[in-house]
N, C-alpha and C. Protein backbone atom coordinates (compact mmCIF):
# COMPACT_ATOMS: atom_id res chain seq x y z
N MET A 1 122.77 98.88 73.49
CA MET A 1 122.31 99.77 74.53
C MET A 1 120.90 99.38 74.95
N ALA A 2 120.65 99.43 76.23
CA ALA A 2 119.33 99.09 76.75
C ALA A 2 118.32 100.16 76.34
N ARG A 3 117.08 99.75 76.26
CA ARG A 3 116.00 100.66 75.89
C ARG A 3 114.93 100.60 76.96
N LEU A 4 114.17 101.68 77.12
CA LEU A 4 113.09 101.74 78.08
C LEU A 4 111.77 101.96 77.35
N LYS A 5 110.79 101.16 77.70
CA LYS A 5 109.43 101.31 77.17
C LYS A 5 108.63 102.04 78.25
N ILE A 6 108.19 103.25 77.94
CA ILE A 6 107.51 104.11 78.91
C ILE A 6 106.07 104.29 78.47
N THR A 7 105.13 104.01 79.38
CA THR A 7 103.70 104.12 79.09
C THR A 7 103.05 105.04 80.11
N GLN A 8 102.28 106.00 79.62
CA GLN A 8 101.55 106.90 80.53
C GLN A 8 100.30 106.19 81.02
N VAL A 9 100.13 106.11 82.34
CA VAL A 9 98.99 105.42 82.92
C VAL A 9 98.09 106.33 83.75
N ARG A 10 98.54 107.55 84.01
CA ARG A 10 97.71 108.49 84.77
C ARG A 10 97.71 109.83 84.05
N SER A 11 96.64 110.59 84.26
CA SER A 11 96.45 111.86 83.58
C SER A 11 97.31 112.96 84.19
N THR A 12 97.57 114.00 83.40
CA THR A 12 98.30 115.17 83.89
C THR A 12 97.37 116.28 84.35
N ILE A 13 96.08 116.03 84.35
CA ILE A 13 95.12 117.02 84.84
C ILE A 13 95.40 117.25 86.33
N HIS A 14 95.41 118.51 86.74
CA HIS A 14 95.67 118.93 88.12
C HIS A 14 97.10 118.62 88.56
N ARG A 15 98.03 118.51 87.62
CA ARG A 15 99.45 118.33 87.95
C ARG A 15 100.16 119.65 87.72
N LYS A 16 101.30 119.80 88.34
CA LYS A 16 102.07 121.03 88.19
C LYS A 16 102.67 121.10 86.79
N GLU A 17 102.92 122.33 86.34
CA GLU A 17 103.39 122.56 84.97
C GLU A 17 104.69 121.83 84.63
N PRO A 18 105.68 121.77 85.53
CA PRO A 18 106.89 121.02 85.18
C PRO A 18 106.63 119.54 84.88
N GLN A 19 105.69 118.93 85.57
CA GLN A 19 105.35 117.53 85.30
C GLN A 19 104.68 117.40 83.94
N LYS A 20 103.83 118.33 83.59
CA LYS A 20 103.18 118.31 82.28
C LYS A 20 104.22 118.45 81.17
N ARG A 21 105.20 119.34 81.38
CA ARG A 21 106.24 119.54 80.37
C ARG A 21 107.13 118.31 80.24
N THR A 22 107.38 117.63 81.34
CA THR A 22 108.21 116.42 81.30
C THR A 22 107.51 115.32 80.53
N ILE A 23 106.21 115.15 80.76
CA ILE A 23 105.43 114.15 80.01
C ILE A 23 105.49 114.47 78.52
N LYS A 24 105.33 115.73 78.17
CA LYS A 24 105.36 116.14 76.76
C LYS A 24 106.75 115.89 76.17
N ALA A 25 107.80 116.18 76.94
CA ALA A 25 109.17 115.98 76.45
C ALA A 25 109.49 114.50 76.23
N LEU A 26 108.83 113.63 76.99
CA LEU A 26 109.02 112.20 76.79
C LEU A 26 108.28 111.69 75.57
N GLY A 27 107.41 112.51 74.99
CA GLY A 27 106.66 112.09 73.81
C GLY A 27 105.31 111.50 74.16
N LEU A 28 104.87 111.74 75.39
CA LEU A 28 103.58 111.22 75.83
C LEU A 28 102.58 112.37 75.85
N GLY A 29 101.42 112.15 76.42
CA GLY A 29 100.43 113.22 76.50
C GLY A 29 99.01 112.70 76.60
N LYS A 30 98.81 111.46 76.18
CA LYS A 30 97.50 110.83 76.29
C LYS A 30 97.67 109.51 77.03
N LEU A 31 96.63 109.10 77.71
CA LEU A 31 96.70 107.86 78.47
C LEU A 31 96.97 106.67 77.57
N HIS A 32 97.75 105.75 78.07
CA HIS A 32 98.09 104.49 77.42
C HIS A 32 98.92 104.66 76.15
N ARG A 33 99.49 105.84 75.96
CA ARG A 33 100.43 106.04 74.86
C ARG A 33 101.79 105.50 75.32
N THR A 34 102.50 104.84 74.43
CA THR A 34 103.78 104.21 74.77
C THR A 34 104.87 104.73 73.84
N VAL A 35 106.04 104.98 74.42
CA VAL A 35 107.21 105.38 73.64
C VAL A 35 108.40 104.53 74.10
N VAL A 36 109.40 104.42 73.24
CA VAL A 36 110.63 103.69 73.58
C VAL A 36 111.80 104.66 73.44
N HIS A 37 112.60 104.77 74.50
CA HIS A 37 113.77 105.65 74.52
C HIS A 37 114.99 104.84 74.92
N ASN A 38 116.16 105.33 74.52
CA ASN A 38 117.41 104.75 75.00
C ASN A 38 117.53 105.00 76.50
N ASP A 39 118.16 104.08 77.19
CA ASP A 39 118.32 104.19 78.64
C ASP A 39 119.51 105.09 78.95
N THR A 40 119.25 106.39 79.11
CA THR A 40 120.28 107.36 79.42
C THR A 40 119.97 108.00 80.77
N PRO A 41 120.97 108.62 81.41
CA PRO A 41 120.70 109.29 82.69
C PRO A 41 119.65 110.39 82.58
N GLN A 42 119.60 111.07 81.44
CA GLN A 42 118.62 112.14 81.25
C GLN A 42 117.20 111.58 81.24
N ILE A 43 116.99 110.49 80.50
CA ILE A 43 115.67 109.87 80.44
C ILE A 43 115.29 109.30 81.79
N ARG A 44 116.25 108.67 82.48
CA ARG A 44 115.98 108.13 83.82
C ARG A 44 115.54 109.24 84.78
N GLY A 45 116.17 110.41 84.69
CA GLY A 45 115.79 111.53 85.54
C GLY A 45 114.39 112.03 85.24
N MET A 46 114.04 112.09 83.95
CA MET A 46 112.70 112.52 83.57
C MET A 46 111.66 111.52 84.06
N VAL A 47 111.96 110.23 83.94
CA VAL A 47 111.03 109.19 84.40
C VAL A 47 110.87 109.28 85.92
N ARG A 48 111.96 109.53 86.63
CA ARG A 48 111.89 109.63 88.08
C ARG A 48 110.99 110.80 88.51
N ALA A 49 111.00 111.88 87.73
CA ALA A 49 110.19 113.06 88.06
C ALA A 49 108.70 112.81 87.91
N VAL A 50 108.33 111.87 87.03
CA VAL A 50 106.91 111.59 86.78
C VAL A 50 106.59 110.12 87.00
N CYS A 51 107.32 109.46 87.90
CA CYS A 51 107.16 108.02 88.10
C CYS A 51 105.75 107.64 88.54
N HIS A 52 105.02 108.57 89.16
CA HIS A 52 103.67 108.28 89.61
C HIS A 52 102.66 108.35 88.45
N LEU A 53 103.10 108.80 87.28
CA LEU A 53 102.21 108.93 86.12
C LEU A 53 102.50 107.90 85.03
N VAL A 54 103.62 107.20 85.12
CA VAL A 54 104.04 106.31 84.04
C VAL A 54 104.46 104.94 84.60
N THR A 55 104.52 103.95 83.69
CA THR A 55 105.13 102.67 84.01
C THR A 55 106.31 102.50 83.06
N VAL A 56 107.33 101.80 83.53
CA VAL A 56 108.56 101.65 82.76
C VAL A 56 108.94 100.19 82.70
N GLU A 57 109.30 99.72 81.49
CA GLU A 57 109.79 98.35 81.30
C GLU A 57 111.09 98.43 80.51
N GLU A 58 112.01 97.54 80.82
CA GLU A 58 113.24 97.46 80.04
C GLU A 58 112.99 96.56 78.82
N VAL A 59 113.47 97.00 77.66
CA VAL A 59 113.31 96.27 76.41
C VAL A 59 114.69 95.99 75.86
N ASP A 60 114.88 94.81 75.30
CA ASP A 60 116.18 94.47 74.70
C ASP A 60 116.30 95.02 73.29
């Protein structure tokens, strides 16, 4: 199964509460923190909601 490496590159200060909760649910919360998740439709949807705050790379 493919994996996604997600890194937070922008702050959640002055962002709406749902975006803050999505970042927290992804396991992020501080700048330049990186997590790896399985590539599922749920994770893709969460990443799409905060795409302006994170960078995403595919990992084998």
